[in-house]
Amino acid sequence: MFHPNGPTFWELAQQCLSSTEHGYDLLAPKFDYTPFRTPDKILEELAKYLGPPRSIDAALDICCGTGAAIRILRPLCITRVVGIDFSRGMLDVARQRFPNDSGQAAVELVPGDVLQMDFRHEFDLAITVGSLGHILPQHQQNFIERIAAALRPGGRFVFVTSEMPHRWSRSYIFSRAFNAAMHVRNALRRPPFVMHYLTFLLPEAKRLLEDQRFQVFIHEGAFGGDLEALRIVIATKPAERPRR
């Protein structure tokens, strides 16, 4: 966990005791050396389900952080990739990593709260990786509504999740223990730090998406080994009905 270039235990503690936004600002320069960054193995497998190079006009990376997913999105896009995140520190790292060079889709990095984003029919694809734990259950419907508004008719929302692990599994016990620690921390200190595991899981996530008229397809078996429980979810916004 403690990579030589990564944060120390005390730096992680400082992050945890800060607000969610400020905590990620503090962690940003060393974030890519933590286990919290989405592994390349997941990103590379996910890319196989998004399409061939230059097959997408514009894509949105929700809670983009330092831009791990922008690396797989940019070759797929023709005009632009937009990343949105509320941590300006994380965006600063992404900005250094993805300068706008001629011949590549433009990268636009937008500071903002994803629960308040107001894009309208701008993207063919929206993805999020490693961020669903920041979306509290009471905000999930609004989260999906904002994504639906951002997508063009027929656009896709793609993410990775799983079903609830077995009650006595290591992942379940660790996740519940972490969540309990977060609840205690947030009860004792303000502002809160919002990050939980076991959120936006199947089949509930599928139901929420279908309530917004998305057509949902779940890819099982995309990952192997210790990642075999993960599922790739592709939710497609309805195409516009033809005018009479």
Protein backbone atom coordinates (compact mmCIF):
# COMPACT_ATOMS: atom_id res chain seq x y z
CA MET A 1 0.00 0.00 0.00
CA PHE A 2 2.79 2.43 0.86
CA HIS A 3 4.61 2.90 -2.45
CA PRO A 4 7.91 4.79 -2.14
CA ASN A 5 6.41 7.61 -4.21
CA GLY A 6 3.04 7.42 -2.55
CA PRO A 7 1.56 9.13 0.50
CA THR A 8 2.68 8.26 3.99
CA PHE A 9 0.30 6.93 6.62
CA TRP A 10 0.08 10.41 8.15
CA GLU A 11 -0.69 12.01 4.80
CA LEU A 12 -3.53 9.52 4.32
CA ALA A 13 -4.78 10.29 7.80
CA GLN A 14 -4.73 14.01 6.99
CA GLN A 15 -6.74 13.33 3.85
CA CYS A 16 -9.30 11.31 5.77
CA LEU A 17 -9.75 14.09 8.32
CA SER A 18 -10.34 16.67 5.59
CA SER A 19 -13.44 17.23 3.50
CA THR A 20 -13.80 14.97 0.47
CA GLU A 21 -12.77 17.76 -1.92
CA HIS A 22 -9.84 19.06 0.10
CA GLY A 23 -8.71 15.53 0.91
CA TYR A 24 -8.30 14.74 -2.77
CA ASP A 25 -6.56 18.07 -3.37
CA LEU A 26 -4.00 17.01 -0.75
CA LEU A 27 -3.62 13.51 -2.17
CA ALA A 28 -3.54 14.52 -5.86
CA PRO A 29 0.26 14.67 -6.44
CA LYS A 30 0.67 11.13 -5.09
CA PHE A 31 -2.72 9.64 -5.94
CA ASP A 32 -1.47 7.48 -8.80
CA TYR A 33 0.83 5.66 -6.36
CA THR A 34 -2.03 4.59 -4.11
CA PRO A 35 -4.28 1.51 -4.33
CA PHE A 36 -7.23 3.87 -4.79
CA ARG A 37 -6.39 4.54 -8.44
CA THR A 38 -8.30 2.24 -10.79
CA PRO A 39 -5.87 -0.50 -11.93
CA ASP A 40 -4.75 -0.47 -15.55
CA LYS A 41 -5.95 -4.07 -15.83
CA ILE A 42 -9.54 -2.92 -15.31
CA LEU A 43 -9.18 0.07 -17.64
CA GLU A 44 -7.64 -1.94 -20.46
CA GLU A 45 -10.36 -4.58 -20.28
CA LEU A 46 -13.06 -1.91 -20.12
CA ALA A 47 -11.64 -0.25 -23.25
CA LYS A 48 -12.44 -3.38 -25.26
CA TYR A 49 -16.16 -2.77 -24.72
CA LEU A 50 -16.17 0.90 -25.73
CA GLY A 51 -15.43 0.65 -29.44
CA PRO A 52 -12.61 0.93 -31.98
CA PRO A 53 -10.33 3.98 -32.32
CA ARG A 54 -12.04 7.20 -33.42
CA SER A 55 -15.49 5.61 -33.31
CA ILE A 56 -16.93 8.12 -30.82
CA ASP A 57 -17.40 11.83 -31.35
CA ALA A 58 -17.28 13.02 -27.71
CA ALA A 59 -16.95 11.28 -24.33
CA LEU A 60 -17.43 12.30 -20.71
CA ASP A 61 -15.29 10.99 -17.85
CA ILE A 62 -17.28 11.46 -14.64
CA CYS A 63 -15.18 12.01 -11.49
CA CYS A 64 -12.11 11.85 -13.72
CA GLY A 65 -9.54 12.39 -10.98
CA THR A 66 -6.01 12.43 -12.38
CA GLY A 67 -7.24 11.12 -15.73
CA ALA A 68 -6.65 7.37 -15.57
CA ALA A 69 -9.65 6.72 -17.85
CA ILE A 70 -8.86 9.61 -20.19
CA ARG A 71 -5.92 7.55 -21.39
CA ILE A 72 -8.30 4.93 -22.84
CA LEU A 73 -10.98 7.39 -23.96
CA ARG A 74 -8.86 9.78 -26.00
CA PRO A 75 -7.91 7.33 -28.79
CA LEU A 76 -11.61 6.44 -29.19
CA CYS A 77 -12.79 10.01 -29.69
CA ILE A 78 -12.81 12.27 -32.72
CA THR A 79 -13.47 15.72 -31.26
CA ARG A 80 -13.18 15.84 -27.46
CA VAL A 81 -12.97 14.14 -24.10
CA VAL A 82 -14.36 16.05 -21.13
CA GLY A 83 -13.33 15.15 -17.58
CA ILE A 84 -15.24 16.56 -14.62
CA ASP A 85 -14.12 16.43 -10.99
CA PHE A 86 -14.59 18.63 -7.93
CA SER A 87 -10.93 18.39 -6.91
CA ARG A 88 -8.88 21.07 -8.64
CA GLY A 89 -5.73 19.35 -7.40
CA MET A 90 -6.64 16.15 -9.23
CA LEU A 91 -7.50 18.14 -12.36
CA ASP A 92 -4.13 19.90 -12.23
CA VAL A 93 -2.39 16.51 -12.38
CA ALA A 94 -4.62 15.42 -15.28
CA ARG A 95 -3.92 18.68 -17.12
CA GLN A 96 -0.17 18.07 -16.97
CA ARG A 97 -0.65 14.53 -18.22
CA PHE A 98 -2.89 15.33 -21.18
CA PRO A 99 -1.77 18.47 -23.04
CA ASN A 100 -3.78 19.31 -26.13
CA ASP A 101 -1.71 18.25 -29.11
CA SER A 102 -2.82 18.53 -32.72
CA GLY A 103 -4.12 15.35 -34.24
CA GLN A 104 -5.76 14.11 -31.01
CA ALA A 105 -9.17 14.67 -29.50
CA ALA A 106 -9.15 17.77 -27.31
CA VAL A 107 -9.14 17.15 -23.57
CA GLU A 108 -11.28 19.55 -21.51
CA LEU A 109 -11.04 19.40 -17.72
CA VAL A 110 -13.94 20.93 -15.84
CA PRO A 111 -14.08 21.60 -12.09
CA GLY A 112 -17.52 20.79 -10.76
CA ASP A 113 -19.86 18.64 -8.71
CA VAL A 114 -21.15 15.74 -10.82
CA LEU A 115 -24.50 15.96 -9.00
CA GLN A 116 -24.91 19.47 -10.42
CA MET A 117 -23.40 19.07 -13.89
CA ASP A 118 -25.59 20.63 -16.57
CA PHE A 119 -24.37 19.17 -19.85
CA ARG A 120 -27.18 18.76 -22.38
CA HIS A 121 -27.03 16.14 -25.14
CA GLU A 122 -23.29 16.61 -25.68
CA PHE A 123 -21.79 13.11 -25.42
CA ASP A 124 -22.02 9.73 -27.12
CA LEU A 125 -20.36 8.00 -24.17
CA ALA A 126 -20.08 8.62 -20.44
CA ILE A 127 -18.00 6.49 -18.11
CA THR A 128 -16.97 6.50 -14.49
CA VAL A 129 -14.38 4.33 -12.77
CA GLY A 130 -13.59 4.05 -9.08
CA SER A 131 -15.98 6.84 -8.10
CA LEU A 132 -19.33 5.26 -7.31
CA GLY A 133 -18.52 5.14 -3.60
CA HIS A 134 -18.75 8.94 -3.55
CA ILE A 135 -22.42 8.86 -4.61
CA LEU A 136 -24.65 8.36 -1.59
CA PRO A 137 -27.80 6.23 -2.11
CA GLN A 138 -30.10 9.24 -1.76
CA HIS A 139 -28.26 10.95 -4.63
CA GLN A 140 -28.12 8.04 -7.07
CA GLN A 141 -31.31 8.90 -8.94
CA ASN A 142 -30.16 12.49 -9.47
CA PHE A 143 -26.75 11.16 -10.56
CA ILE A 144 -28.38 9.04 -13.27
CA GLU A 145 -30.65 11.88 -14.36
CA ARG A 146 -27.64 14.16 -14.86
CA ILE A 147 -25.90 11.51 -16.94
CA ALA A 148 -29.02 10.92 -19.03
CA ALA A 149 -29.24 14.66 -19.73
CA ALA A 150 -25.57 14.78 -20.78
CA LEU A 151 -25.90 11.93 -23.29
CA ARG A 152 -27.18 12.24 -26.82
CA PRO A 153 -30.00 9.89 -27.87
CA GLY A 154 -28.51 6.41 -28.17
CA GLY A 155 -25.53 7.37 -26.00
CA ARG A 156 -24.03 4.92 -23.51
CA PHE A 157 -23.18 5.08 -19.83
CA VAL A 158 -20.54 2.48 -18.98
CA PHE A 159 -19.16 1.52 -15.58
CA VAL A 160 -17.82 -1.40 -13.57
CA THR A 161 -19.58 -2.80 -10.51
CA SER A 162 -20.50 -6.13 -8.93
CA GLU A 163 -23.20 -7.86 -6.96
CA MET A 164 -23.16 -7.88 -3.17
CA PRO A 165 -20.35 -10.23 -2.07
CA HIS A 166 -21.03 -13.18 0.22
CA ARG A 167 -21.62 -12.08 3.80
CA TRP A 168 -18.60 -13.96 5.12
CA SER A 169 -16.24 -13.11 2.28
CA ARG A 170 -13.11 -11.05 2.88
CA SER A 171 -14.31 -8.26 0.58
CA TYR A 172 -17.66 -7.99 2.40
CA ILE A 173 -16.08 -7.89 5.86
CA PHE A 174 -13.42 -5.35 4.81
CA SER A 175 -15.97 -3.14 3.04
CA ARG A 176 -18.38 -3.13 5.96
CA ALA A 177 -15.56 -2.36 8.39
CA PHE A 178 -14.36 0.54 6.22
CA ASN A 179 -17.89 1.91 5.88
CA ALA A 180 -18.41 1.70 9.64
CA ALA A 181 -15.18 3.64 10.19
CA MET A 182 -16.38 6.32 7.75
CA HIS A 183 -19.71 6.64 9.54
CA VAL A 184 -17.93 7.08 12.88
CA ARG A 185 -15.50 9.61 11.39
CA ASN A 186 -18.34 11.63 9.84
CA ALA A 187 -20.34 11.56 13.06
CA LEU A 188 -17.42 13.04 14.96
CA ARG A 189 -15.99 15.50 12.44
CA ARG A 190 -17.28 18.01 9.92
CA PRO A 191 -17.20 18.46 7.01
CA PRO A 192 -17.73 14.80 6.09
CA PHE A 193 -15.49 12.65 3.94
CA VAL A 194 -17.79 10.76 1.58
CA MET A 195 -16.42 7.43 0.41
CA HIS A 196 -18.10 4.06 0.87
CA TYR A 197 -17.80 0.58 -0.54
CA LEU A 198 -20.62 -1.74 -1.67
CA THR A 199 -22.50 1.06 -3.43
CA PHE A 200 -24.35 1.14 -6.77
CA LEU A 201 -24.34 -2.66 -6.90
CA LEU A 202 -26.36 -4.99 -9.08
CA PRO A 203 -29.26 -5.58 -9.38
CA GLU A 204 -30.29 -2.26 -7.77
CA ALA A 205 -28.14 -0.19 -10.15
CA LYS A 206 -29.82 -1.90 -13.10
CA ARG A 207 -33.27 -1.06 -11.72
CA LEU A 208 -32.35 2.60 -11.19
CA LEU A 209 -31.08 2.88 -14.76
CA GLU A 210 -34.13 1.17 -16.22
CA ASP A 211 -36.35 3.57 -14.27
CA GLN A 212 -34.70 6.31 -16.38
CA ARG A 213 -35.48 4.30 -19.55
CA PHE A 214 -31.93 3.09 -20.13
CA GLN A 215 -31.54 -0.28 -21.80
CA VAL A 216 -29.07 -2.16 -19.61
CA PHE A 217 -26.71 -4.96 -20.63
CA ILE A 218 -24.40 -6.63 -18.13
CA HIS A 219 -21.19 -8.30 -19.28
CA GLU A 220 -20.13 -11.13 -17.00
CA GLY A 221 -16.78 -12.86 -17.27
CA ALA A 222 -14.93 -9.80 -18.53
CA PHE A 223 -12.37 -10.16 -15.76
CA GLY A 224 -10.58 -13.14 -14.30
CA GLY A 225 -8.65 -14.02 -11.20
CA ASP A 226 -9.26 -11.82 -8.19
CA LEU A 227 -11.39 -9.49 -10.35
CA GLU A 228 -13.83 -12.13 -11.60
CA ALA A 229 -16.71 -10.72 -9.50
CA LEU A 230 -16.64 -7.46 -11.47
CA ARG A 231 -19.22 -6.77 -14.16
CA ILE A 232 -19.12 -4.27 -17.00
CA VAL A 233 -22.46 -2.49 -17.27
CA ILE A 234 -23.48 -0.76 -20.51
CA ALA A 235 -26.60 1.36 -20.21
CA THR A 236 -27.91 2.85 -23.47
CA LYS A 237 -30.11 5.91 -23.56
CA PRO A 238 -33.16 5.52 -25.81
CA ALA A 239 -32.89 6.90 -29.30
CA GLU A 240 -35.29 9.68 -30.20
CA ARG A 241 -38.60 8.52 -31.55
CA PRO A 242 -39.01 9.30 -35.25
CA ARG A 243 -41.27 12.27 -35.97
CA ARG A 244 -44.46 11.63 -37.89
